[in-house]
């Protein structure tokens, strides 16, 4: 979870212009949390039923790896605004 939420807190505000930074970051964060938490919970339940707790751990590790890869692939944002 830390590999996902740590970089997200630094990246989200940089995606929006100063005039709408707080609103844009908070709306993006909250909508993503609602949608992501719902889908992740349903997937985790299915994986747990099929593969047990170890399967859920592998699922979380894969998500953390995808977050790291997305962060490494993202461009520097300090020159965008």
PDB file of N, CA and C in Angstrom:
ATOM      1  N   UNK A   1       0.817  -1.187   0.000  1.00  0.00           N
ATOM      2  CA  UNK A   1       0.000   0.000   0.000  1.00  0.00           C
ATOM      3  C   UNK A   1       0.866   1.258   0.000  1.00  0.00           C
ATOM      4  N   UNK A   2       1.958   1.221   0.725  1.00  0.00           N
ATOM      5  CA  UNK A   2       2.831   2.385   0.765  1.00  0.00           C
ATOM      6  C   UNK A   2       3.453   2.690  -0.581  1.00  0.00           C
ATOM      7  N   UNK A   3       3.724   1.638  -1.368  1.00  0.00           N
ATOM      8  CA  UNK A   3       4.302   1.863  -2.698  1.00  0.00           C
ATOM      9  C   UNK A   3       3.301   2.539  -3.623  1.00  0.00           C
ATOM     10  N   UNK A   4       2.021   2.418  -3.325  1.00  0.00           N
ATOM     11  CA  UNK A   4       1.008   3.061  -4.147  1.00  0.00           C
ATOM     12  C   UNK A   4       0.687   4.463  -3.645  1.00  0.00           C
ATOM     13  N   UNK A   5       0.402   4.596  -2.355  1.00  0.00           N
ATOM     14  CA  UNK A   5      -0.077   5.869  -1.828  1.00  0.00           C
ATOM     15  C   UNK A   5       1.028   6.895  -1.616  1.00  0.00           C
ATOM     16  N   UNK A   6       2.248   6.474  -1.394  1.00  0.00           N
ATOM     17  CA  UNK A   6       3.348   7.420  -1.232  1.00  0.00           C
ATOM     18  C   UNK A   6       3.597   8.245  -2.483  1.00  0.00           C
ATOM     19  N   UNK A   7       3.869   7.611  -3.618  1.00  0.00           N
ATOM     20  CA  UNK A   7       4.086   8.381  -4.851  1.00  0.00           C
ATOM     21  C   UNK A   7       2.841   9.139  -5.308  1.00  0.00           C
ATOM     22  N   UNK A   8       1.666   8.582  -5.027  1.00  0.00           N
ATOM     23  CA  UNK A   8       0.437   9.225  -5.472  1.00  0.00           C
ATOM     24  C   UNK A   8       0.260  10.592  -4.811  1.00  0.00           C
ATOM     25  N   UNK A   9       0.609  10.696  -3.543  1.00  0.00           N
ATOM     26  CA  UNK A   9       0.476  11.976  -2.838  1.00  0.00           C
ATOM     27  C   UNK A   9       1.394  13.038  -3.430  1.00  0.00           C
ATOM     28  N   UNK A  10       2.519  12.633  -3.959  1.00  0.00           N
ATOM     29  CA  UNK A  10       3.440  13.591  -4.567  1.00  0.00           C
ATOM     30  C   UNK A  10       3.053  13.916  -6.005  1.00  0.00           C
ATOM     31  N   UNK A  11       2.500  12.953  -6.718  1.00  0.00           N
ATOM     32  CA  UNK A  11       2.215  13.128  -8.139  1.00  0.00           C
ATOM     33  C   UNK A  11       0.890  13.838  -8.408  1.00  0.00           C
ATOM     34  N   UNK A  12      -0.163  13.504  -7.687  1.00  0.00           N
ATOM     35  CA  UNK A  12      -1.484  14.061  -7.980  1.00  0.00           C
ATOM     36  C   UNK A  12      -1.534  15.588  -8.004  1.00  0.00           C
ATOM     37  N   UNK A  13      -1.023  16.287  -7.017  1.00  0.00           N
ATOM     38  CA  UNK A  13      -1.107  17.756  -7.071  1.00  0.00           C
ATOM     39  C   UNK A  13      -0.368  18.358  -8.261  1.00  0.00           C
ATOM     40  N   UNK A  14       0.655  17.701  -8.731  1.00  0.00           N
ATOM     41  CA  UNK A  14       1.436  18.240  -9.847  1.00  0.00           C
ATOM     42  C   UNK A  14       0.713  18.109 -11.181  1.00  0.00           C
ATOM     43  N   UNK A  15      -0.358  17.345 -11.232  1.00  0.00           N
ATOM     44  CA  UNK A  15      -1.072  17.132 -12.485  1.00  0.00           C
ATOM     45  C   UNK A  15      -2.048  18.256 -12.823  1.00  0.00           C
ATOM     46  N   UNK A  16      -2.306  19.148 -11.870  1.00  0.00           N
ATOM     47  CA  UNK A  16      -3.323  20.170 -12.055  1.00  0.00           C
ATOM     48  C   UNK A  16      -2.723  21.563 -11.936  1.00  0.00           C
ATOM     49  N   UNK A  17      -3.282  22.538 -12.691  1.00  0.00           N
ATOM     50  CA  UNK A  17      -2.818  23.922 -12.557  1.00  0.00           C
ATOM     51  C   UNK A  17      -3.109  24.454 -11.147  1.00  0.00           C
ATOM     52  N   UNK A  18      -2.404  25.467 -10.749  1.00  0.00           N
ATOM     53  CA  UNK A  18      -2.507  26.008  -9.393  1.00  0.00           C
ATOM     54  C   UNK A  18      -3.934  26.407  -9.026  1.00  0.00           C
ATOM     55  N   UNK A  19      -4.686  26.974  -9.963  1.00  0.00           N
ATOM     56  CA  UNK A  19      -6.034  27.465  -9.673  1.00  0.00           C
ATOM     57  C   UNK A  19      -6.984  26.355  -9.234  1.00  0.00           C
ATOM     58  N   UNK A  20      -6.810  25.150  -9.741  1.00  0.00           N
ATOM     59  CA  UNK A  20      -7.726  24.041  -9.431  1.00  0.00           C
ATOM     60  C   UNK A  20      -6.991  22.856  -8.806  1.00  0.00           C
ATOM     61  N   UNK A  21      -5.803  23.083  -8.310  1.00  0.00           N
ATOM     62  CA  UNK A  21      -4.968  21.987  -7.809  1.00  0.00           C
ATOM     63  C   UNK A  21      -5.641  21.206  -6.682  1.00  0.00           C
ATOM     64  N   UNK A  22      -6.138  21.894  -5.681  1.00  0.00           N
ATOM     65  CA  UNK A  22      -6.737  21.210  -4.535  1.00  0.00           C
ATOM     66  C   UNK A  22      -7.988  20.436  -4.955  1.00  0.00           C
ATOM     67  N   UNK A  23      -8.866  21.079  -5.717  1.00  0.00           N
ATOM     68  CA  UNK A  23     -10.099  20.419  -6.155  1.00  0.00           C
ATOM     69  C   UNK A  23      -9.801  19.248  -7.075  1.00  0.00           C
ATOM     70  N   UNK A  24      -8.905  19.441  -8.021  1.00  0.00           N
ATOM     71  CA  UNK A  24      -8.572  18.371  -8.953  1.00  0.00           C
ATOM     72  C   UNK A  24      -7.939  17.179  -8.277  1.00  0.00           C
ATOM     73  N   UNK A  25      -6.981  17.432  -7.400  1.00  0.00           N
ATOM     74  CA  UNK A  25      -6.304  16.336  -6.709  1.00  0.00           C
ATOM     75  C   UNK A  25      -7.257  15.603  -5.778  1.00  0.00           C
ATOM     76  N   UNK A  26      -8.098  16.342  -5.057  1.00  0.00           N
ATOM     77  CA  UNK A  26      -9.007  15.678  -4.120  1.00  0.00           C
ATOM     78  C   UNK A  26     -10.085  14.893  -4.850  1.00  0.00           C
ATOM     79  N   UNK A  27     -10.612  15.429  -5.937  1.00  0.00           N
ATOM     80  CA  UNK A  27     -11.617  14.702  -6.707  1.00  0.00           C
ATOM     81  C   UNK A  27     -11.018  13.443  -7.331  1.00  0.00           C
ATOM     82  N   UNK A  28      -9.850  13.571  -7.930  1.00  0.00           N
ATOM     83  CA  UNK A  28      -9.192  12.409  -8.530  1.00  0.00           C
ATOM     84  C   UNK A  28      -8.876  11.349  -7.481  1.00  0.00           C
ATOM     85  N   UNK A  29      -8.370  11.769  -6.337  1.00  0.00           N
ATOM     86  CA  UNK A  29      -8.011  10.832  -5.271  1.00  0.00           C
ATOM     87  C   UNK A  29      -9.236  10.094  -4.746  1.00  0.00           C
ATOM     88  N   UNK A  30     -10.301  10.834  -4.459  1.00  0.00           N
ATOM     89  CA  UNK A  30     -11.484  10.215  -3.867  1.00  0.00           C
ATOM     90  C   UNK A  30     -12.231   9.320  -4.840  1.00  0.00           C
ATOM     91  N   UNK A  31     -12.379   9.732  -6.084  1.00  0.00           N
ATOM     92  CA  UNK A  31     -13.039   8.871  -7.067  1.00  0.00           C
ATOM     93  C   UNK A  31     -12.229   7.606  -7.322  1.00  0.00           C
ATOM     94  N   UNK A  32     -10.930   7.749  -7.431  1.00  0.00           N
ATOM     95  CA  UNK A  32     -10.077   6.574  -7.634  1.00  0.00           C
ATOM     96  C   UNK A  32     -10.125   5.645  -6.429  1.00  0.00           C
ATOM     97  N   UNK A  33     -10.210   6.203  -5.232  1.00  0.00           N
ATOM     98  CA  UNK A  33     -10.290   5.376  -4.025  1.00  0.00           C
ATOM     99  C   UNK A  33     -11.581   4.575  -3.990  1.00  0.00           C
ATOM    100  N   UNK A  34     -12.689   5.209  -4.321  1.00  0.00           N
ATOM    101  CA  UNK A  34     -13.981   4.521  -4.309  1.00  0.00           C
ATOM    102  C   UNK A  34     -14.005   3.407  -5.348  1.00  0.00           C
ATOM    103  N   UNK A  35     -13.630   3.733  -6.567  1.00  0.00           N
ATOM    104  CA  UNK A  35     -13.661   2.740  -7.646  1.00  0.00           C
ATOM    105  C   UNK A  35     -12.625   1.654  -7.404  1.00  0.00           C
ATOM    106  N   UNK A  36     -11.416   2.056  -7.071  1.00  0.00           N
ATOM    107  CA  UNK A  36     -10.343   1.088  -6.859  1.00  0.00           C
ATOM    108  C   UNK A  36     -10.589   0.162  -5.688  1.00  0.00           C
ATOM    109  N   UNK A  37     -11.110   0.696  -4.590  1.00  0.00           N
ATOM    110  CA  UNK A  37     -11.360  -0.142  -3.415  1.00  0.00           C
ATOM    111  C   UNK A  37     -12.461  -1.157  -3.683  1.00  0.00           C
ATOM    112  N   UNK A  38     -13.477  -0.764  -4.412  1.00  0.00           N
ATOM    113  CA  UNK A  38     -14.566  -1.684  -4.722  1.00  0.00           C
ATOM    114  C   UNK A  38     -14.085  -2.823  -5.606  1.00  0.00           C
ATOM    115  N   UNK A  39     -13.385  -2.493  -6.657  1.00  0.00           N
ATOM    116  CA  UNK A  39     -12.911  -3.519  -7.588  1.00  0.00           C
ATOM    117  C   UNK A  39     -11.864  -4.406  -6.927  1.00  0.00           C
ATOM    118  N   UNK A  40     -10.931  -3.814  -6.192  1.00  0.00           N
ATOM    119  CA  UNK A  40      -9.879  -4.597  -5.537  1.00  0.00           C
ATOM    120  C   UNK A  40     -10.458  -5.557  -4.508  1.00  0.00           C
ATOM    121  N   UNK A  41     -11.478  -5.133  -3.778  1.00  0.00           N
ATOM    122  CA  UNK A  41     -12.099  -6.011  -2.788  1.00  0.00           C
ATOM    123  C   UNK A  41     -12.781  -7.198  -3.452  1.00  0.00           C
ATOM    124  N   UNK A  42     -13.470  -6.960  -4.551  1.00  0.00           N
ATOM    125  CA  UNK A  42     -14.139  -8.064  -5.249  1.00  0.00           C
ATOM    126  C   UNK A  42     -13.120  -9.040  -5.830  1.00  0.00           C
ATOM    127  N   UNK A  43     -12.059  -8.518  -6.418  1.00  0.00           N
ATOM    128  CA  UNK A  43     -11.015  -9.383  -6.971  1.00  0.00           C
ATOM    129  C   UNK A  43     -10.341 -10.178  -5.861  1.00  0.00           C
ATOM    130  N   UNK A  44     -10.054  -9.537  -4.735  1.00  0.00           N
ATOM    131  CA  UNK A  44      -9.405 -10.227  -3.614  1.00  0.00           C
ATOM    132  C   UNK A  44     -10.270 -11.355  -3.071  1.00  0.00           C
ATOM    133  N   UNK A  45     -11.576 -11.137  -2.987  1.00  0.00           N
ATOM    134  CA  UNK A  45     -12.472 -12.199  -2.525  1.00  0.00           C
ATOM    135  C   UNK A  45     -12.439 -13.403  -3.459  1.00  0.00           C
ATOM    136  N   UNK A  46     -12.465 -13.149  -4.754  1.00  0.00           N
ATOM    137  CA  UNK A  46     -12.413 -14.247  -5.733  1.00  0.00           C
ATOM    138  C   UNK A  46     -11.082 -14.990  -5.658  1.00  0.00           C
ATOM    139  N   UNK A  47      -9.984 -14.242  -5.561  1.00  0.00           N
ATOM    140  CA  UNK A  47      -8.664 -14.872  -5.483  1.00  0.00           C
ATOM    141  C   UNK A  47      -8.535 -15.668  -4.197  1.00  0.00           C
ATOM    142  N   UNK A  48      -9.020 -15.129  -3.087  1.00  0.00           N
ATOM    143  CA  UNK A  48      -8.951 -15.831  -1.808  1.00  0.00           C
ATOM    144  C   UNK A  48      -9.744 -17.131  -1.853  1.00  0.00           C
ATOM    145  N   UNK A  49     -10.903 -17.111  -2.495  1.00  0.00           N
ATOM    146  CA  UNK A  49     -11.716 -18.323  -2.603  1.00  0.00           C
ATOM    147  C   UNK A  49     -11.033 -19.384  -3.460  1.00  0.00           C
ATOM    148  N   UNK A  50     -10.291 -18.956  -4.468  1.00  0.00           N
ATOM    149  CA  UNK A  50      -9.652 -19.906  -5.381  1.00  0.00           C
ATOM    150  C   UNK A  50      -8.254 -20.324  -4.943  1.00  0.00           C
ATOM    151  N   UNK A  51      -7.453 -19.387  -4.443  1.00  0.00           N
ATOM    152  CA  UNK A  51      -6.039 -19.658  -4.180  1.00  0.00           C
ATOM    153  C   UNK A  51      -5.612 -19.433  -2.731  1.00  0.00           C
ATOM    154  N   UNK A  52      -6.489 -18.925  -1.901  1.00  0.00           N
ATOM    155  CA  UNK A  52      -6.148 -18.686  -0.506  1.00  0.00           C
ATOM    156  C   UNK A  52      -5.465 -17.343  -0.301  1.00  0.00           C
ATOM    157  N   UNK A  53      -4.993 -17.157   0.925  1.00  0.00           N
ATOM    158  CA  UNK A  53      -4.390 -15.880   1.311  1.00  0.00           C
ATOM    159  C   UNK A  53      -3.115 -15.592   0.518  1.00  0.00           C
ATOM    160  N   UNK A  54      -2.367 -16.627   0.192  1.00  0.00           N
ATOM    161  CA  UNK A  54      -1.130 -16.429  -0.577  1.00  0.00           C
ATOM    162  C   UNK A  54      -1.435 -15.825  -1.949  1.00  0.00           C
ATOM    163  N   UNK A  55      -2.529 -16.225  -2.553  1.00  0.00           N
ATOM    164  CA  UNK A  55      -2.935 -15.653  -3.833  1.00  0.00           C
ATOM    165  C   UNK A  55      -3.222 -14.168  -3.723  1.00  0.00           C
ATOM    166  N   UNK A  56      -3.859 -13.760  -2.627  1.00  0.00           N
ATOM    167  CA  UNK A  56      -4.142 -12.336  -2.408  1.00  0.00           C
ATOM    168  C   UNK A  56      -2.839 -11.564  -2.225  1.00  0.00           C
ATOM    169  N   UNK A  57      -1.885 -12.152  -1.510  1.00  0.00           N
ATOM    170  CA  UNK A  57      -0.582 -11.508  -1.333  1.00  0.00           C
ATOM    171  C   UNK A  57       0.142 -11.312  -2.655  1.00  0.00           C
ATOM    172  N   UNK A  58       0.068 -12.313  -3.512  1.00  0.00           N
ATOM    173  CA  UNK A  58       0.692 -12.202  -4.836  1.00  0.00           C
ATOM    174  C   UNK A  58      -0.010 -11.123  -5.659  1.00  0.00           C
ATOM    175  N   UNK A  59      -1.329 -11.068  -5.565  1.00  0.00           N
ATOM    176  CA  UNK A  59      -2.104 -10.038  -6.259  1.00  0.00           C
ATOM    177  C   UNK A  59      -1.675  -8.636  -5.812  1.00  0.00           C
ATOM    178  N   UNK A  60      -1.511  -8.446  -4.511  1.00  0.00           N
ATOM    179  CA  UNK A  60      -1.072  -7.145  -3.992  1.00  0.00           C
ATOM    180  C   UNK A  60       0.352  -6.812  -4.432  1.00  0.00           C
ATOM    181  N   UNK A  61       1.216  -7.819  -4.465  1.00  0.00           N
ATOM    182  CA  UNK A  61       2.594  -7.592  -4.909  1.00  0.00           C
ATOM    183  C   UNK A  61       2.632  -7.192  -6.383  1.00  0.00           C
ATOM    184  N   UNK A  62       1.797  -7.819  -7.189  1.00  0.00           N
ATOM    185  CA  UNK A  62       1.735  -7.474  -8.613  1.00  0.00           C
ATOM    186  C   UNK A  62       1.239  -6.037  -8.784  1.00  0.00           C
ATOM    187  N   UNK A  63       0.239  -5.648  -7.991  1.00  0.00           N
ATOM    188  CA  UNK A  63      -0.252  -4.263  -8.057  1.00  0.00           C
ATOM    189  C   UNK A  63       0.818  -3.265  -7.645  1.00  0.00           C
ATOM    190  N   UNK A  64       1.598  -3.592  -6.625  1.00  0.00           N
ATOM    191  CA  UNK A  64       2.683  -2.704  -6.202  1.00  0.00           C
ATOM    192  C   UNK A  64       3.733  -2.583  -7.303  1.00  0.00           C
ATOM    193  N   UNK A  65       4.033  -3.678  -7.967  1.00  0.00           N
ATOM    194  CA  UNK A  65       5.000  -3.654  -9.067  1.00  0.00           C
ATOM    195  C   UNK A  65       4.482  -2.805 -10.226  1.00  0.00           C
ATOM    196  N   UNK A  66       3.195  -2.934 -10.542  1.00  0.00           N
ATOM    197  CA  UNK A  66       2.621  -2.117 -11.613  1.00  0.00           C
ATOM    198  C   UNK A  66       2.666  -0.633 -11.258  1.00  0.00           C
ATOM    199  N   UNK A  67       2.446  -0.308  -9.987  1.00  0.00           N
ATOM    200  CA  UNK A  67       2.546   1.081  -9.543  1.00  0.00           C
ATOM    201  C   UNK A  67       3.962   1.611  -9.718  1.00  0.00           C
ATOM    202  N   UNK A  68       4.941   0.807  -9.326  1.00  0.00           N
ATOM    203  CA  UNK A  68       6.335   1.212  -9.471  1.00  0.00           C
ATOM    204  C   UNK A  68       6.694   1.426 -10.936  1.00  0.00           C
ATOM    205  N   UNK A  69       6.269   0.523 -11.804  1.00  0.00           N
ATOM    206  CA  UNK A  69       6.558   0.663 -13.234  1.00  0.00           C
ATOM    207  C   UNK A  69       5.886   1.907 -13.818  1.00  0.00           C
ATOM    208  N   UNK A  70       4.650   2.180 -13.411  1.00  0.00           N
ATOM    209  CA  UNK A  70       3.958   3.376 -13.896  1.00  0.00           C
ATOM    210  C   UNK A  70       4.655   4.641 -13.418  1.00  0.00           C
ATOM    211  N   UNK A  71       5.120   4.625 -12.185  1.00  0.00           N
ATOM    212  CA  UNK A  71       5.834   5.788 -11.652  1.00  0.00           C
ATOM    213  C   UNK A  71       7.147   6.013 -12.397  1.00  0.00           C
ATOM    214  N   UNK A  72       7.870   4.942 -12.667  1.00  0.00           N
ATOM    215  CA  UNK A  72       9.135   5.069 -13.393  1.00  0.00           C
ATOM    216  C   UNK A  72       8.925   5.511 -14.837  1.00  0.00           C
ATOM    217  N   UNK A  73       7.791   5.135 -15.430  1.00  0.00           N
ATOM    218  CA  UNK A  73       7.510   5.493 -16.819  1.00  0.00           C
ATOM    219  C   UNK A  73       6.932   6.897 -16.964  1.00  0.00           C
ATOM    220  N   UNK A  74       6.459   7.483 -15.858  1.00  0.00           N
ATOM    221  CA  UNK A  74       5.851   8.810 -15.949  1.00  0.00           C
ATOM    222  C   UNK A  74       6.919   9.880 -16.168  1.00  0.00           C
ATOM    223  N   UNK A  75       6.503  10.932 -16.845  1.00  0.00           N
ATOM    224  CA  UNK A  75       7.419  12.032 -17.152  1.00  0.00           C
ATOM    225  C   UNK A  75       7.525  12.978 -15.966  1.00  0.00           C
ATOM    226  N   UNK A  76       8.591  13.738 -15.935  1.00  0.00           N
ATOM    227  CA  UNK A  76       8.766  14.773 -14.913  1.00  0.00           C
ATOM    228  C   UNK A  76       7.672  15.819 -15.096  1.00  0.00           C
ATOM    229  N   UNK A  77       7.033  16.208 -14.014  1.00  0.00           N
ATOM    230  CA  UNK A  77       5.899  17.124 -14.114  1.00  0.00           C
ATOM    231  C   UNK A  77       6.240  18.571 -13.794  1.00  0.00           C
ATOM    232  N   UNK A  78       7.412  18.854 -13.307  1.00  0.00           N
ATOM    233  CA  UNK A  78       7.711  20.233 -12.899  1.00  0.00           C
ATOM    234  C   UNK A  78       7.718  21.208 -14.069  1.00  0.00           C
ATOM    235  N   UNK A  79       7.867  20.731 -15.295  1.00  0.00           N
ATOM    236  CA  UNK A  79       7.881  21.622 -16.457  1.00  0.00           C
ATOM    237  C   UNK A  79       6.523  21.716 -17.140  1.00  0.00           C
ATOM    238  N   UNK A  80       5.513  21.003 -16.653  1.00  0.00           N
ATOM    239  CA  UNK A  80       4.210  21.013 -17.307  1.00  0.00           C
ATOM    240  C   UNK A  80       3.399  22.260 -16.998  1.00  0.00           C
ATOM    241  N   UNK A  81       3.567  22.823 -15.832  1.00  0.00           N
ATOM    242  CA  UNK A  81       2.710  23.944 -15.419  1.00  0.00           C
ATOM    243  C   UNK A  81       3.532  25.210 -15.324  1.00  0.00           C
TER     244      UNK A  81
END
